[in-house]
Amino acid sequence: MSYRKVKTVTIERIIVLGAGAIGSIYGALVSAKKDTTLVGRKAHVEAIRTRGLRVTGEINQTFKVKADTEIRDVPPSTLLLLTTKAQDSVHALRQVKPLLKKDTVILVLQNGLGNEEAVRETLRSDIEVIRGLTTIAAEFLKPGEIKVWKGETILGKSRTSDEICALFNSCGLKTRVSENIRAEAWNKLVLNCVV
């Protein structure tokens, strides 16, 4: 698989755009290692600010993580984790597009096929876009509370995928890099159809 040649960056902070159940668990776990902000709906954000993010299931912990209803700034060396519903991603990215820096990395972590291509078409060519998949199952119980069942994260090969893989693994997110993310996406789609 080919990928755009961009300067390798060191990820300093994480912004999770689409802090539903999946986005919230990723943000909560990586917040132990990196400056992290969850961007989500007002009720969820207010609950997280007031009580923290309560995670139950295979993880039983309350996380103190920053949360907001919008992205006000994207500092240099930011990983933007896109976990919105696939149909909302282009609209969400158009709103933050002017804030993105040359070293911003976008990890598209959504169900479906072709999502990363739609994201690439929306952004400047110097923004690195990585396709990701997850088998983590998460349920949104109520604002500020999610239930999680552990799974695996698979990243498409890119300039920063090894760095992101190491970060995620160090935070308890079992992660690997795939040379053929398209085949992995098809396999997941078939599995989801069967289940």
Protein backbone atom coordinates (compact mmCIF):
# COMPACT_ATOMS: atom_id res chain seq x y z
CA MET A 1 0.00 0.00 0.00
CA SER A 2 1.36 3.42 -0.85
CA TYR A 3 1.05 6.43 1.42
CA ARG A 4 1.85 10.08 1.19
CA LYS A 5 5.38 11.05 2.06
CA VAL A 6 5.14 13.47 4.95
CA LYS A 7 7.51 14.47 7.69
CA THR A 8 7.41 12.12 10.66
CA VAL A 9 5.99 13.83 13.73
CA THR A 10 6.03 13.10 17.40
CA ILE A 11 2.48 13.08 18.70
CA GLU A 12 2.17 15.48 21.64
CA ARG A 13 -1.60 15.68 22.03
CA ILE A 14 -4.79 13.91 21.02
CA ILE A 15 -8.14 15.38 20.02
CA VAL A 16 -10.99 12.88 19.74
CA LEU A 17 -13.60 14.27 17.34
CA GLY A 18 -16.78 12.30 17.95
CA ALA A 19 -16.65 11.33 21.61
CA GLY A 20 -19.38 8.71 21.66
CA ALA A 21 -18.70 5.31 23.18
CA ILE A 22 -15.69 4.33 21.02
CA GLY A 23 -14.13 7.80 20.93
CA SER A 24 -14.55 8.15 24.69
CA ILE A 25 -12.72 4.93 25.55
CA TYR A 26 -9.81 5.76 23.26
CA GLY A 27 -9.59 9.27 24.68
CA ALA A 28 -9.82 8.05 28.26
CA LEU A 29 -7.05 5.48 27.87
CA VAL A 30 -4.60 7.68 25.94
CA SER A 31 -5.16 10.56 28.38
CA ALA A 32 -2.85 8.75 30.80
CA LYS A 33 0.07 9.40 28.41
CA LYS A 34 -0.86 12.43 26.28
CA ASP A 35 -2.73 15.71 26.61
CA THR A 36 -6.17 14.60 25.38
CA THR A 37 -9.47 16.35 24.68
CA LEU A 38 -12.76 14.63 23.92
CA VAL A 39 -15.08 16.57 21.59
CA GLY A 40 -18.69 15.51 21.86
CA ARG A 41 -22.29 16.39 22.57
CA LYS A 42 -23.12 18.89 25.30
CA ALA A 43 -24.70 16.51 27.84
CA HIS A 44 -21.79 14.05 27.60
CA VAL A 45 -19.20 16.83 27.85
CA GLU A 46 -20.90 18.38 30.90
CA ALA A 47 -21.10 14.99 32.66
CA ILE A 48 -17.40 14.31 31.98
CA ARG A 49 -16.44 17.76 33.26
CA THR A 50 -18.53 17.31 36.42
CA ARG A 51 -17.99 13.65 37.35
CA GLY A 52 -15.33 12.33 35.00
CA LEU A 53 -15.84 9.60 32.40
CA ARG A 54 -17.13 6.43 34.08
CA VAL A 55 -16.10 3.25 32.25
CA THR A 56 -17.55 -0.14 33.20
CA GLY A 57 -17.38 -3.60 31.67
CA GLU A 58 -13.91 -5.06 31.17
CA ILE A 59 -12.48 -1.80 32.48
CA ASN A 60 -13.83 -0.38 35.73
CA GLN A 61 -12.51 3.13 36.26
CA THR A 62 -13.43 6.80 36.25
CA PHE A 63 -11.19 8.94 34.05
CA LYS A 64 -10.52 12.64 34.41
CA VAL A 65 -10.17 13.81 30.82
CA LYS A 66 -10.69 17.19 29.17
CA ALA A 67 -13.90 17.53 27.19
CA ASP A 68 -15.43 20.21 24.97
CA THR A 69 -18.28 20.60 22.51
CA GLU A 70 -16.08 22.02 19.75
CA ILE A 71 -12.48 22.21 18.60
CA ARG A 72 -11.16 25.70 19.20
CA ASP A 73 -7.53 25.04 18.25
CA VAL A 74 -5.39 22.24 16.82
CA PRO A 75 -1.87 22.76 18.18
CA PRO A 76 1.17 21.40 16.32
CA SER A 77 1.93 17.68 16.72
CA THR A 78 -1.72 16.71 17.22
CA LEU A 79 -3.30 13.37 16.44
CA LEU A 80 -6.95 13.96 15.54
CA LEU A 81 -8.84 10.74 16.18
CA LEU A 82 -11.96 10.81 13.99
CA THR A 83 -14.66 8.65 15.59
CA THR A 84 -17.80 10.41 14.35
CA LYS A 85 -20.39 8.41 12.45
CA ALA A 86 -19.02 7.94 8.92
CA GLN A 87 -21.76 10.06 7.36
CA ASP A 88 -20.82 13.00 9.64
CA SER A 89 -17.05 12.96 9.13
CA VAL A 90 -16.71 15.22 6.08
CA HIS A 91 -18.97 17.88 7.64
CA ALA A 92 -17.07 17.70 10.94
CA LEU A 93 -13.68 18.01 9.22
CA ARG A 94 -14.74 20.95 7.06
CA GLN A 95 -15.37 22.88 10.28
CA VAL A 96 -11.88 22.18 11.68
CA LYS A 97 -9.99 22.23 8.37
CA PRO A 98 -8.71 25.83 8.83
CA LEU A 99 -7.23 24.84 12.23
CA LEU A 100 -5.16 21.90 10.96
CA LYS A 101 -1.37 22.18 10.82
CA LYS A 102 1.05 20.53 8.37
CA ASP A 103 2.00 17.99 11.03
CA THR A 104 -1.57 17.14 12.06
CA VAL A 105 -2.25 13.42 11.72
CA ILE A 106 -5.81 12.18 11.30
CA LEU A 107 -6.69 8.62 12.30
CA VAL A 108 -10.04 7.62 10.80
CA LEU A 109 -11.45 5.02 13.20
CA GLN A 110 -14.91 4.24 11.82
CA ASN A 111 -16.95 1.36 10.48
CA GLY A 112 -17.42 1.13 6.74
CA LEU A 113 -15.31 1.28 3.61
CA GLY A 114 -13.78 4.26 1.84
CA ASN A 115 -14.01 6.64 4.78
CA GLU A 116 -10.36 7.64 4.65
CA GLU A 117 -10.63 8.49 0.95
CA ALA A 118 -13.51 10.89 1.66
CA VAL A 119 -11.44 12.46 4.44
CA ARG A 120 -8.40 12.85 2.17
CA GLU A 121 -10.52 14.55 -0.49
CA THR A 122 -11.76 17.04 2.11
CA LEU A 123 -8.30 18.02 3.39
CA ARG A 124 -5.07 19.47 2.06
CA SER A 125 -2.65 16.95 0.58
CA ASP A 126 -0.03 17.62 3.30
CA ILE A 127 -2.27 16.23 6.07
CA GLU A 128 -1.49 12.59 6.88
CA VAL A 129 -4.62 10.43 7.00
CA ILE A 130 -4.46 6.91 8.46
CA ARG A 131 -7.19 4.27 8.27
CA GLY A 132 -7.88 2.42 11.50
CA LEU A 133 -10.21 -0.38 12.53
CA THR A 134 -11.29 -1.59 15.93
CA THR A 135 -12.93 -4.67 17.37
CA ILE A 136 -13.43 -2.95 20.72
CA ALA A 137 -17.12 -2.98 21.61
CA ALA A 138 -18.47 -0.02 23.54
CA GLU A 139 -21.94 0.98 24.64
CA PHE A 140 -23.02 4.51 25.52
CA LEU A 141 -25.01 4.04 28.75
CA LYS A 142 -25.73 7.68 29.55
CA PRO A 143 -23.85 10.98 29.38
CA GLY A 144 -20.52 10.47 31.13
CA GLU A 145 -20.78 6.68 31.28
CA ILE A 146 -19.84 3.93 28.82
CA LYS A 147 -19.44 0.15 28.97
CA VAL A 148 -16.50 -1.48 27.19
CA TRP A 149 -15.42 -4.91 25.99
CA LYS A 150 -11.78 -5.11 24.95
CA GLY A 151 -10.71 -5.83 21.40
CA GLU A 152 -7.98 -4.95 18.95
CA THR A 153 -7.05 -1.84 16.98
CA ILE A 154 -5.55 -2.19 13.50
CA LEU A 155 -3.78 0.72 11.82
CA GLY A 156 -2.96 1.12 8.16
CA LYS A 157 0.76 1.48 7.45
CA SER A 158 1.88 5.12 7.30
CA ARG A 159 4.67 7.43 8.47
CA THR A 160 3.31 7.68 12.02
CA SER A 161 1.41 4.40 12.40
CA ASP A 162 4.27 2.75 14.33
CA GLU A 163 4.38 5.67 16.78
CA ILE A 164 0.61 5.58 17.27
CA CYS A 165 0.71 1.79 17.63
CA ALA A 166 3.33 2.04 20.38
CA LEU A 167 1.34 4.77 22.16
CA PHE A 168 -1.91 2.83 22.04
CA ASN A 169 -0.25 -0.39 23.24
CA SER A 170 1.36 1.50 26.15
CA CYS A 171 -2.13 2.69 27.16
CA GLY A 172 -3.73 -0.76 27.18
CA LEU A 173 -5.17 -0.59 23.66
CA LYS A 174 -4.00 -3.78 21.92
CA THR A 175 -2.85 -2.45 18.54
CA ARG A 176 -1.01 -3.64 15.45
CA VAL A 177 -0.07 -2.15 12.06
CA SER A 178 -1.30 -3.82 8.88
CA GLU A 179 0.33 -3.65 5.46
CA ASN A 180 -3.10 -4.28 3.90
CA ILE A 181 -5.71 -2.29 5.81
CA ARG A 182 -8.18 -2.52 2.92
CA ALA A 183 -8.31 -6.33 3.25
CA GLU A 184 -8.66 -5.96 7.03
CA ALA A 185 -11.60 -3.58 6.50
CA TRP A 186 -13.30 -6.03 4.14
CA ASN A 187 -12.78 -8.87 6.64
CA LYS A 188 -14.33 -6.77 9.40
CA LEU A 189 -17.27 -5.84 7.17
CA VAL A 190 -17.94 -9.50 6.36
CA LEU A 191 -17.67 -10.43 10.05
CA ASN A 192 -20.08 -7.63 11.02
CA CYS A 193 -22.57 -8.85 8.39
CA VAL A 194 -22.42 -12.41 9.75
CA VAL A 195 -22.77 -11.31 13.37
